Amino acid sequence: MQQHLIVLGFEVSKLIPYFLVGLIGLFVGFLYVFRSIRNEFFKNKSEKVIYMIQGVGSSMLITWISYEITDYFFNLPTSLCVAISGGVGYLGAESVSALALDSLKKRL
């Protein structure tokens, strides 16, 4: 009989993929920010910080959404779902952030 570690009412084995998705989303987000920050001009430090938070956050969100889609609809192994979601988060963050920045520029 296999025992599962239960912390605060949750099985740890079910939370590990989400921890990995969050960690990979954070890593991919920083890669995206480092890649795209050299093409931007900022007036002050607060704009740079907001840009970094927005870049990392959007990449983490896209990574999580793509993980849920690949896990639920395609029933792939967990490690493959995490790997695919990391790639989608890295490639998709640029398009989502461009769309968000365009909508903000129209409102201002």
N, C-alpha and C. Protein backbone atom coordinates (compact mmCIF):
# COMPACT_ATOMS: atom_id res chain seq x y z
N MET A 1 0.84 -1.18 0.00
CA MET A 1 0.00 0.00 0.00
C MET A 1 0.89 1.24 0.00
N GLN A 2 0.60 2.15 -0.90
CA GLN A 2 1.42 3.35 -1.03
C GLN A 2 0.80 4.48 -0.22
N GLN A 3 1.63 5.10 0.61
CA GLN A 3 1.17 6.21 1.42
C GLN A 3 1.49 7.52 0.70
N HIS A 4 0.56 8.44 0.72
CA HIS A 4 0.77 9.76 0.14
C HIS A 4 0.93 10.77 1.26
N LEU A 5 1.84 11.69 1.07
CA LEU A 5 2.07 12.74 2.04
C LEU A 5 0.97 13.78 1.89
N ILE A 6 0.26 14.07 2.98
CA ILE A 6 -0.83 15.03 2.95
C ILE A 6 -0.43 16.23 3.80
N VAL A 7 -0.43 17.41 3.17
CA VAL A 7 -0.09 18.65 3.85
C VAL A 7 -1.26 19.60 3.67
N LEU A 8 -1.84 20.06 4.77
CA LEU A 8 -2.98 20.97 4.76
C LEU A 8 -4.14 20.45 3.91
N GLY A 9 -4.34 19.16 3.92
CA GLY A 9 -5.46 18.56 3.21
C GLY A 9 -5.21 18.30 1.73
N PHE A 10 -4.01 18.55 1.24
CA PHE A 10 -3.69 18.32 -0.17
C PHE A 10 -2.63 17.24 -0.29
N GLU A 11 -2.77 16.39 -1.30
CA GLU A 11 -1.72 15.42 -1.58
C GLU A 11 -0.57 16.13 -2.27
N VAL A 12 0.62 15.94 -1.76
CA VAL A 12 1.79 16.62 -2.32
C VAL A 12 2.05 16.14 -3.75
N SER A 13 1.75 14.88 -4.05
CA SER A 13 2.01 14.36 -5.39
C SER A 13 1.15 15.06 -6.44
N LYS A 14 0.01 15.60 -6.06
CA LYS A 14 -0.83 16.33 -7.01
C LYS A 14 -0.41 17.79 -7.15
N LEU A 15 0.35 18.31 -6.18
CA LEU A 15 0.79 19.71 -6.24
C LEU A 15 2.14 19.88 -6.91
N ILE A 16 2.92 18.82 -7.04
CA ILE A 16 4.26 18.93 -7.62
C ILE A 16 4.23 19.43 -9.06
N PRO A 17 3.32 18.96 -9.94
CA PRO A 17 3.31 19.52 -11.31
C PRO A 17 3.05 21.02 -11.34
N TYR A 18 2.21 21.52 -10.45
CA TYR A 18 1.93 22.96 -10.43
C TYR A 18 3.13 23.74 -9.90
N PHE A 19 3.88 23.16 -8.98
CA PHE A 19 5.12 23.78 -8.53
C PHE A 19 6.12 23.87 -9.69
N LEU A 20 6.22 22.79 -10.47
CA LEU A 20 7.12 22.79 -11.62
C LEU A 20 6.68 23.80 -12.68
N VAL A 21 5.37 23.89 -12.92
CA VAL A 21 4.86 24.85 -13.90
C VAL A 21 5.16 26.28 -13.43
N GLY A 22 4.98 26.55 -12.15
CA GLY A 22 5.29 27.88 -11.64
C GLY A 22 6.77 28.20 -11.74
N LEU A 23 7.62 27.23 -11.42
CA LEU A 23 9.06 27.44 -11.50
C LEU A 23 9.52 27.65 -12.94
N ILE A 24 9.01 26.84 -13.85
CA ILE A 24 9.38 26.99 -15.26
C ILE A 24 8.79 28.28 -15.83
N GLY A 25 7.58 28.62 -15.42
CA GLY A 25 7.00 29.89 -15.87
C GLY A 25 7.80 31.08 -15.41
N LEU A 26 8.31 31.03 -14.19
CA LEU A 26 9.16 32.11 -13.68
C LEU A 26 10.47 32.19 -14.47
N PHE A 27 11.07 31.06 -14.71
CA PHE A 27 12.33 31.02 -15.46
C PHE A 27 12.13 31.51 -16.89
N VAL A 28 11.09 31.03 -17.56
CA VAL A 28 10.80 31.44 -18.94
C VAL A 28 10.45 32.93 -18.98
N GLY A 29 9.77 33.41 -17.96
CA GLY A 29 9.43 34.83 -17.91
C GLY A 29 10.66 35.71 -17.82
N PHE A 30 11.63 35.32 -16.99
CA PHE A 30 12.86 36.09 -16.91
C PHE A 30 13.64 36.02 -18.22
N LEU A 31 13.64 34.86 -18.88
CA LEU A 31 14.31 34.77 -20.18
C LEU A 31 13.66 35.71 -21.19
N TYR A 32 12.33 35.75 -21.17
CA TYR A 32 11.62 36.65 -22.09
C TYR A 32 11.96 38.11 -21.80
N VAL A 33 11.98 38.48 -20.53
CA VAL A 33 12.27 39.88 -20.16
C VAL A 33 13.70 40.23 -20.55
N PHE A 34 14.65 39.35 -20.29
CA PHE A 34 16.04 39.64 -20.64
C PHE A 34 16.22 39.75 -22.15
N ARG A 35 15.44 38.97 -22.91
CA ARG A 35 15.54 39.02 -24.36
C ARG A 35 14.96 40.31 -24.91
N SER A 36 13.87 40.77 -24.35
CA SER A 36 13.15 41.90 -24.95
C SER A 36 13.45 43.25 -24.31
N ILE A 37 14.13 43.29 -23.18
CA ILE A 37 14.31 44.57 -22.48
C ILE A 37 15.34 45.46 -23.18
N ARG A 38 16.23 44.88 -23.95
CA ARG A 38 17.25 45.71 -24.60
C ARG A 38 16.68 46.52 -25.76
N ASN A 39 15.50 46.18 -26.25
CA ASN A 39 14.87 46.92 -27.35
C ASN A 39 13.97 48.04 -26.85
N GLU A 40 13.83 48.18 -25.55
CA GLU A 40 12.91 49.16 -24.98
C GLU A 40 13.68 50.34 -24.38
N PHE A 41 13.03 51.50 -24.38
CA PHE A 41 13.58 52.69 -23.75
C PHE A 41 12.65 53.07 -22.60
N PHE A 42 13.20 53.27 -21.41
CA PHE A 42 12.41 53.58 -20.23
C PHE A 42 12.78 54.96 -19.72
N LYS A 43 11.76 55.69 -19.26
CA LYS A 43 11.98 57.03 -18.71
C LYS A 43 12.57 56.99 -17.31
N ASN A 44 12.14 56.01 -16.52
CA ASN A 44 12.66 55.89 -15.16
C ASN A 44 12.66 54.42 -14.73
N LYS A 45 13.10 54.18 -13.51
CA LYS A 45 13.23 52.81 -13.01
C LYS A 45 11.88 52.13 -12.78
N SER A 46 10.86 52.92 -12.43
CA SER A 46 9.56 52.31 -12.16
C SER A 46 8.97 51.71 -13.43
N GLU A 47 9.17 52.35 -14.58
CA GLU A 47 8.70 51.77 -15.84
C GLU A 47 9.41 50.46 -16.14
N LYS A 48 10.68 50.38 -15.81
CA LYS A 48 11.45 49.16 -16.04
C LYS A 48 10.94 48.03 -15.14
N VAL A 49 10.64 48.36 -13.89
CA VAL A 49 10.14 47.35 -12.95
C VAL A 49 8.76 46.86 -13.38
N ILE A 50 7.90 47.78 -13.81
CA ILE A 50 6.57 47.40 -14.28
C ILE A 50 6.67 46.52 -15.51
N TYR A 51 7.59 46.85 -16.41
CA TYR A 51 7.80 46.05 -17.61
C TYR A 51 8.26 44.63 -17.24
N MET A 52 9.15 44.52 -16.26
CA MET A 52 9.63 43.20 -15.86
C MET A 52 8.53 42.38 -15.20
N ILE A 53 7.73 43.01 -14.33
CA ILE A 53 6.64 42.30 -13.67
C ILE A 53 5.61 41.84 -14.70
N GLN A 54 5.28 42.71 -15.63
CA GLN A 54 4.30 42.37 -16.67
C GLN A 54 4.82 41.24 -17.55
N GLY A 55 6.10 41.25 -17.90
CA GLY A 55 6.67 40.21 -18.75
C GLY A 55 6.70 38.86 -18.07
N VAL A 56 7.15 38.84 -16.82
CA VAL A 56 7.22 37.58 -16.08
C VAL A 56 5.82 37.06 -15.78
N GLY A 57 4.92 37.95 -15.39
CA GLY A 57 3.55 37.53 -15.07
C GLY A 57 2.81 36.98 -16.26
N SER A 58 2.93 37.62 -17.41
CA SER A 58 2.22 37.12 -18.59
C SER A 58 2.80 35.79 -19.04
N SER A 59 4.09 35.63 -18.92
CA SER A 59 4.70 34.36 -19.30
C SER A 59 4.28 33.24 -18.36
N MET A 60 4.20 33.52 -17.07
CA MET A 60 3.74 32.51 -16.12
C MET A 60 2.29 32.14 -16.36
N LEU A 61 1.46 33.12 -16.68
CA LEU A 61 0.05 32.85 -16.95
C LEU A 61 -0.12 31.98 -18.19
N ILE A 62 0.58 32.29 -19.25
CA ILE A 62 0.48 31.51 -20.47
C ILE A 62 1.03 30.10 -20.25
N THR A 63 2.08 29.97 -19.46
CA THR A 63 2.63 28.66 -19.14
C THR A 63 1.60 27.81 -18.39
N TRP A 64 0.93 28.40 -17.43
CA TRP A 64 -0.07 27.65 -16.66
C TRP A 64 -1.27 27.27 -17.54
N ILE A 65 -1.75 28.20 -18.37
CA ILE A 65 -2.90 27.90 -19.23
C ILE A 65 -2.56 26.79 -20.21
N SER A 66 -1.37 26.85 -20.81
CA SER A 66 -1.00 25.81 -21.76
C SER A 66 -0.79 24.46 -21.06
N TYR A 67 -0.33 24.47 -19.81
CA TYR A 67 -0.22 23.21 -19.06
C TYR A 67 -1.60 22.60 -18.85
N GLU A 68 -2.55 23.41 -18.43
CA GLU A 68 -3.90 22.89 -18.20
C GLU A 68 -4.51 22.34 -19.48
N ILE A 69 -4.29 23.01 -20.60
CA ILE A 69 -4.84 22.55 -21.88
C ILE A 69 -4.22 21.23 -22.29
N THR A 70 -2.89 21.13 -22.23
CA THR A 70 -2.24 19.88 -22.64
C THR A 70 -2.56 18.74 -21.69
N ASP A 71 -2.73 19.02 -20.42
CA ASP A 71 -3.03 17.97 -19.46
C ASP A 71 -4.48 17.50 -19.59
N TYR A 72 -5.41 18.41 -19.75
CA TYR A 72 -6.83 18.05 -19.76
C TYR A 72 -7.27 17.48 -21.11
N PHE A 73 -6.91 18.15 -22.19
CA PHE A 73 -7.43 17.75 -23.49
C PHE A 73 -6.62 16.64 -24.15
N PHE A 74 -5.31 16.64 -23.99
CA PHE A 74 -4.48 15.68 -24.72
C PHE A 74 -4.03 14.50 -23.87
N ASN A 75 -4.20 14.57 -22.55
CA ASN A 75 -3.84 13.49 -21.63
C ASN A 75 -2.41 12.99 -21.84
N LEU A 76 -1.49 13.93 -22.00
CA LEU A 76 -0.08 13.59 -22.16
C LEU A 76 0.54 13.35 -20.79
N PRO A 77 1.72 12.71 -20.75
CA PRO A 77 2.40 12.56 -19.45
C PRO A 77 2.72 13.93 -18.84
N THR A 78 2.81 13.96 -17.54
CA THR A 78 2.99 15.23 -16.83
C THR A 78 4.27 15.94 -17.24
N SER A 79 5.35 15.19 -17.39
CA SER A 79 6.63 15.83 -17.75
C SER A 79 6.55 16.45 -19.14
N LEU A 80 5.86 15.81 -20.06
CA LEU A 80 5.71 16.37 -21.40
C LEU A 80 4.80 17.59 -21.39
N CYS A 81 3.75 17.56 -20.57
CA CYS A 81 2.87 18.73 -20.44
C CYS A 81 3.63 19.93 -19.90
N VAL A 82 4.50 19.71 -18.92
CA VAL A 82 5.28 20.80 -18.35
C VAL A 82 6.26 21.34 -19.38
N ALA A 83 6.90 20.46 -20.15
CA ALA A 83 7.86 20.90 -21.16
C ALA A 83 7.18 21.69 -22.27
N ILE A 84 6.05 21.22 -22.75
CA ILE A 84 5.31 21.93 -23.80
C ILE A 84 4.84 23.28 -23.29
N SER A 85 4.35 23.32 -22.07
CA SER A 85 3.86 24.59 -21.53
C SER A 85 4.99 25.60 -21.36
N GLY A 86 6.19 25.14 -21.04
CA GLY A 86 7.34 26.04 -20.96
C GLY A 86 7.67 26.65 -22.30
N GLY A 87 7.62 25.84 -23.35
CA GLY A 87 7.87 26.36 -24.70
C GLY A 87 6.81 27.33 -25.15
N VAL A 88 5.56 27.03 -24.86
CA VAL A 88 4.47 27.93 -25.23
C VAL A 88 4.56 29.22 -24.44
N GLY A 89 4.92 29.13 -23.18
CA GLY A 89 5.08 30.34 -22.36
C GLY A 89 6.18 31.24 -22.88
N TYR A 90 7.27 30.63 -23.36
CA TYR A 90 8.38 31.43 -23.88
C TYR A 90 8.01 32.08 -25.22
N LEU A 91 7.34 31.35 -26.09
CA LEU A 91 6.98 31.90 -27.40
C LEU A 91 5.75 32.79 -27.34
N GLY A 92 4.81 32.48 -26.46
CA GLY A 92 3.56 33.20 -26.44
C GLY A 92 3.55 34.47 -25.63
N ALA A 93 4.50 34.65 -24.75
CA ALA A 93 4.51 35.84 -23.91
C ALA A 93 4.71 37.11 -24.73
N GLU A 94 5.47 37.01 -25.79
CA GLU A 94 5.73 38.20 -26.61
C GLU A 94 4.46 38.69 -27.29
N SER A 95 3.68 37.79 -27.83
CA SER A 95 2.46 38.21 -28.53
C SER A 95 1.41 38.74 -27.56
N VAL A 96 1.29 38.13 -26.40
CA VAL A 96 0.30 38.59 -25.42
C VAL A 96 0.71 39.94 -24.84
N SER A 97 1.99 40.13 -24.58
CA SER A 97 2.42 41.42 -24.03
C SER A 97 2.29 42.52 -25.07
N ALA A 98 2.52 42.22 -26.34
CA ALA A 98 2.33 43.23 -27.39
C ALA A 98 0.86 43.63 -27.48
N LEU A 99 -0.02 42.66 -27.37
CA LEU A 99 -1.45 42.96 -27.40
C LEU A 99 -1.86 43.79 -26.19
N ALA A 100 -1.36 43.45 -25.01
CA ALA A 100 -1.70 44.21 -23.80
C ALA A 100 -1.15 45.63 -23.86
N LEU A 101 0.07 45.79 -24.33
CA LEU A 101 0.66 47.13 -24.43
C LEU A 101 -0.06 47.99 -25.47
N ASP A 102 -0.50 47.39 -26.57
CA ASP A 102 -1.26 48.14 -27.57
C ASP A 102 -2.59 48.61 -27.02
N SER A 103 -3.27 47.76 -26.25
CA SER A 103 -4.55 48.16 -25.68
C SER A 103 -4.36 49.26 -24.63
N LEU A 104 -3.26 49.21 -23.86
CA LEU A 104 -2.99 50.26 -22.88
C LEU A 104 -2.65 51.58 -23.57
N LYS A 105 -1.93 51.53 -24.66
CA LYS A 105 -1.59 52.76 -25.38
C LYS A 105 -2.82 53.42 -25.98
N LYS A 106 -3.79 52.62 -26.40
CA LYS A 106 -5.02 53.17 -26.96
C LYS A 106 -5.85 53.87 -25.88
N ARG A 107 -5.79 53.36 -24.67
CA ARG A 107 -6.58 53.96 -23.58
C ARG A 107 -5.95 55.23 -23.05
N LEU A 108 -4.65 55.37 -23.17
CA LEU A 108 -3.95 56.54 -22.63
C LEU A 108 -3.90 57.64 -23.60
